[in-house]
């Protein structure tokens, strides 16, 4: 999370966001240069159990990850 103030503007932004839905890990937001989905795979999570929710549903079948 990026939380705070910049002069008179409130800053509240999610840098990285995961959800767990129906037994799958959904990557909803990633504003980093890292690839957390690959980190999950390296930890032993099956690719089909990771959904790139930050991509629209019609693109998900073309990723190396799960579709839901």
N, C-alpha and C. Protein backbone atom coordinates (compact mmCIF):
# COMPACT_ATOMS: atom_id res chain seq x y z
N UNK A 1 0.84 -1.17 0.00
CA UNK A 1 0.00 0.00 0.00
C UNK A 1 0.89 1.24 0.00
N UNK A 2 0.44 2.21 -0.69
CA UNK A 2 1.06 3.53 -0.67
C UNK A 2 0.03 4.44 -0.02
N UNK A 3 0.30 4.88 1.21
CA UNK A 3 -0.67 5.63 1.99
C UNK A 3 0.01 6.88 2.54
N UNK A 4 -0.68 8.00 2.47
CA UNK A 4 -0.15 9.22 3.05
C UNK A 4 -0.72 10.45 2.36
N UNK A 5 0.06 11.52 2.44
CA UNK A 5 -0.37 12.79 1.88
C UNK A 5 0.73 13.36 0.99
N UNK A 6 0.32 13.99 -0.09
CA UNK A 6 1.23 14.74 -0.94
C UNK A 6 0.62 16.14 -1.02
N UNK A 7 1.19 17.03 -0.22
CA UNK A 7 0.62 18.36 -0.02
C UNK A 7 -0.82 18.21 0.47
N UNK A 8 -1.82 18.66 -0.27
CA UNK A 8 -3.21 18.57 0.17
C UNK A 8 -3.95 17.39 -0.43
N UNK A 9 -3.24 16.52 -1.12
CA UNK A 9 -3.85 15.36 -1.78
C UNK A 9 -3.60 14.09 -0.99
N UNK A 10 -4.65 13.38 -0.68
CA UNK A 10 -4.55 12.10 0.02
C UNK A 10 -4.10 11.04 -0.96
N UNK A 11 -3.09 10.26 -0.59
CA UNK A 11 -2.57 9.16 -1.40
C UNK A 11 -3.02 7.86 -0.75
N UNK A 12 -3.73 7.05 -1.50
CA UNK A 12 -4.16 5.73 -1.04
C UNK A 12 -4.21 4.84 -2.27
N UNK A 13 -3.18 4.04 -2.43
CA UNK A 13 -3.05 3.22 -3.63
C UNK A 13 -2.53 1.84 -3.24
N UNK A 14 -3.12 0.85 -3.85
CA UNK A 14 -2.68 -0.52 -3.64
C UNK A 14 -1.59 -0.84 -4.65
N UNK A 15 -0.42 -1.23 -4.15
CA UNK A 15 0.71 -1.56 -5.01
C UNK A 15 0.59 -2.98 -5.53
N UNK A 16 0.22 -3.89 -4.65
CA UNK A 16 0.05 -5.30 -5.04
C UNK A 16 -1.15 -5.85 -4.29
N UNK A 17 -1.97 -6.63 -5.00
CA UNK A 17 -3.23 -7.11 -4.42
C UNK A 17 -3.47 -8.55 -4.88
N UNK A 18 -3.62 -9.43 -3.90
CA UNK A 18 -3.98 -10.82 -4.14
C UNK A 18 -5.34 -11.09 -3.50
N UNK A 19 -6.13 -11.94 -4.11
CA UNK A 19 -7.34 -12.48 -3.51
C UNK A 19 -7.24 -13.99 -3.56
N UNK A 20 -7.91 -14.66 -2.65
CA UNK A 20 -8.06 -16.11 -2.71
C UNK A 20 -9.54 -16.37 -2.92
N UNK A 21 -9.88 -16.91 -4.09
CA UNK A 21 -11.27 -17.20 -4.43
C UNK A 21 -11.36 -18.61 -4.99
N UNK A 22 -12.27 -19.37 -4.44
CA UNK A 22 -12.53 -20.75 -4.92
C UNK A 22 -11.25 -21.58 -5.00
N UNK A 23 -10.36 -21.40 -4.02
CA UNK A 23 -9.15 -22.19 -3.95
C UNK A 23 -8.04 -21.76 -4.90
N UNK A 24 -8.22 -20.63 -5.57
CA UNK A 24 -7.20 -20.12 -6.49
C UNK A 24 -6.70 -18.77 -5.99
N UNK A 25 -5.46 -18.47 -6.31
CA UNK A 25 -4.86 -17.18 -5.96
C UNK A 25 -5.01 -16.25 -7.16
N UNK A 26 -5.68 -15.15 -6.94
CA UNK A 26 -5.93 -14.17 -7.99
C UNK A 26 -4.99 -12.98 -7.79
N UNK A 27 -4.19 -12.68 -8.80
CA UNK A 27 -3.36 -11.48 -8.78
C UNK A 27 -4.20 -10.37 -9.41
N UNK A 28 -4.64 -9.42 -8.59
CA UNK A 28 -5.55 -8.38 -9.04
C UNK A 28 -4.84 -7.08 -9.44
N UNK A 29 -3.69 -6.83 -8.84
CA UNK A 29 -2.96 -5.58 -9.11
C UNK A 29 -1.48 -5.83 -8.88
N UNK A 30 -0.65 -5.30 -9.75
CA UNK A 30 0.79 -5.40 -9.57
C UNK A 30 1.43 -4.16 -10.19
N UNK A 31 1.82 -3.22 -9.34
CA UNK A 31 2.47 -2.00 -9.80
C UNK A 31 3.97 -2.06 -9.53
N UNK A 32 4.52 -3.26 -9.43
CA UNK A 32 5.95 -3.43 -9.20
C UNK A 32 6.61 -3.91 -10.49
N UNK A 33 7.91 -3.98 -10.47
CA UNK A 33 8.65 -4.55 -11.59
C UNK A 33 8.88 -6.04 -11.41
N UNK A 34 8.36 -6.59 -10.33
CA UNK A 34 8.53 -8.00 -10.02
C UNK A 34 7.42 -8.82 -10.66
N UNK A 35 7.59 -10.15 -10.67
CA UNK A 35 6.58 -11.05 -11.19
C UNK A 35 6.13 -11.98 -10.05
N UNK A 36 5.17 -11.53 -9.23
CA UNK A 36 4.78 -12.34 -8.08
C UNK A 36 4.15 -13.68 -8.47
N UNK A 37 3.57 -13.78 -9.65
CA UNK A 37 3.00 -15.06 -10.08
C UNK A 37 4.12 -16.10 -10.22
N UNK A 38 5.24 -15.71 -10.78
CA UNK A 38 6.37 -16.64 -10.90
C UNK A 38 6.97 -16.96 -9.54
N UNK A 39 6.93 -16.00 -8.62
CA UNK A 39 7.39 -16.29 -7.25
C UNK A 39 6.51 -17.35 -6.61
N UNK A 40 5.20 -17.27 -6.84
CA UNK A 40 4.28 -18.28 -6.31
C UNK A 40 4.56 -19.66 -6.90
N UNK A 41 4.84 -19.70 -8.20
CA UNK A 41 5.18 -20.97 -8.85
C UNK A 41 6.46 -21.55 -8.24
N UNK A 42 7.46 -20.69 -8.00
CA UNK A 42 8.71 -21.14 -7.38
C UNK A 42 8.50 -21.68 -5.97
N UNK A 43 7.43 -21.21 -5.30
CA UNK A 43 7.09 -21.70 -3.96
C UNK A 43 6.28 -22.98 -3.98
N UNK A 44 5.95 -23.45 -5.19
CA UNK A 44 5.24 -24.72 -5.29
C UNK A 44 3.75 -24.61 -5.62
N UNK A 45 3.25 -23.41 -5.88
CA UNK A 45 1.85 -23.24 -6.27
C UNK A 45 1.71 -23.62 -7.75
N UNK A 46 0.74 -24.44 -8.07
CA UNK A 46 0.52 -24.85 -9.45
C UNK A 46 0.06 -23.66 -10.29
N UNK A 47 0.55 -23.58 -11.51
CA UNK A 47 0.19 -22.48 -12.42
C UNK A 47 -1.33 -22.37 -12.61
N UNK A 48 -2.01 -23.51 -12.67
CA UNK A 48 -3.45 -23.47 -12.89
C UNK A 48 -4.22 -22.95 -11.67
N UNK A 49 -3.53 -22.83 -10.52
CA UNK A 49 -4.15 -22.28 -9.31
C UNK A 49 -3.86 -20.79 -9.14
N UNK A 50 -3.24 -20.17 -10.13
CA UNK A 50 -2.95 -18.74 -10.12
C UNK A 50 -3.72 -18.12 -11.28
N UNK A 51 -4.52 -17.12 -10.99
CA UNK A 51 -5.30 -16.44 -12.03
C UNK A 51 -4.84 -15.00 -12.09
N UNK A 52 -4.52 -14.54 -13.29
CA UNK A 52 -4.12 -13.15 -13.48
C UNK A 52 -5.38 -12.31 -13.67
N UNK A 53 -5.99 -11.95 -12.55
CA UNK A 53 -7.22 -11.18 -12.57
C UNK A 53 -7.04 -9.78 -13.12
N UNK A 54 -5.79 -9.34 -13.21
CA UNK A 54 -5.53 -8.01 -13.77
C UNK A 54 -5.64 -8.01 -15.28
N UNK A 55 -5.78 -9.20 -15.89
CA UNK A 55 -6.04 -9.31 -17.32
C UNK A 55 -7.53 -9.57 -17.54
N UNK A 56 -8.10 -9.08 -18.62
CA UNK A 56 -9.51 -9.38 -18.89
C UNK A 56 -9.72 -10.87 -19.15
N UNK A 57 -10.91 -11.38 -18.87
CA UNK A 57 -11.16 -12.82 -19.01
C UNK A 57 -10.81 -13.39 -20.39
N UNK A 58 -11.01 -12.63 -21.45
CA UNK A 58 -10.72 -13.18 -22.78
C UNK A 58 -9.23 -13.36 -23.04
N UNK A 59 -8.37 -12.71 -22.26
CA UNK A 59 -6.92 -12.88 -22.43
C UNK A 59 -6.34 -14.00 -21.57
N UNK A 60 -7.02 -14.37 -20.51
CA UNK A 60 -6.47 -15.34 -19.56
C UNK A 60 -6.13 -16.69 -20.17
N UNK A 61 -6.90 -17.21 -21.14
CA UNK A 61 -6.51 -18.50 -21.72
C UNK A 61 -5.16 -18.46 -22.43
N UNK A 62 -4.68 -17.29 -22.76
CA UNK A 62 -3.41 -17.16 -23.49
C UNK A 62 -2.22 -16.93 -22.56
N UNK A 63 -2.47 -16.90 -21.26
CA UNK A 63 -1.37 -16.80 -20.29
C UNK A 63 -0.96 -18.21 -19.91
N UNK A 64 0.12 -18.32 -19.17
CA UNK A 64 0.57 -19.64 -18.68
C UNK A 64 -0.06 -20.00 -17.35
N UNK A 65 -1.14 -19.29 -17.00
CA UNK A 65 -1.75 -19.47 -15.68
C UNK A 65 -3.20 -19.90 -15.82
N UNK A 66 -3.84 -20.07 -14.67
CA UNK A 66 -5.21 -20.55 -14.66
C UNK A 66 -6.21 -19.57 -15.23
N UNK A 67 -7.34 -20.10 -15.59
CA UNK A 67 -8.47 -19.28 -16.04
C UNK A 67 -9.65 -19.62 -15.12
N UNK A 68 -10.41 -18.63 -14.79
CA UNK A 68 -11.54 -18.90 -13.90
C UNK A 68 -12.75 -18.10 -14.34
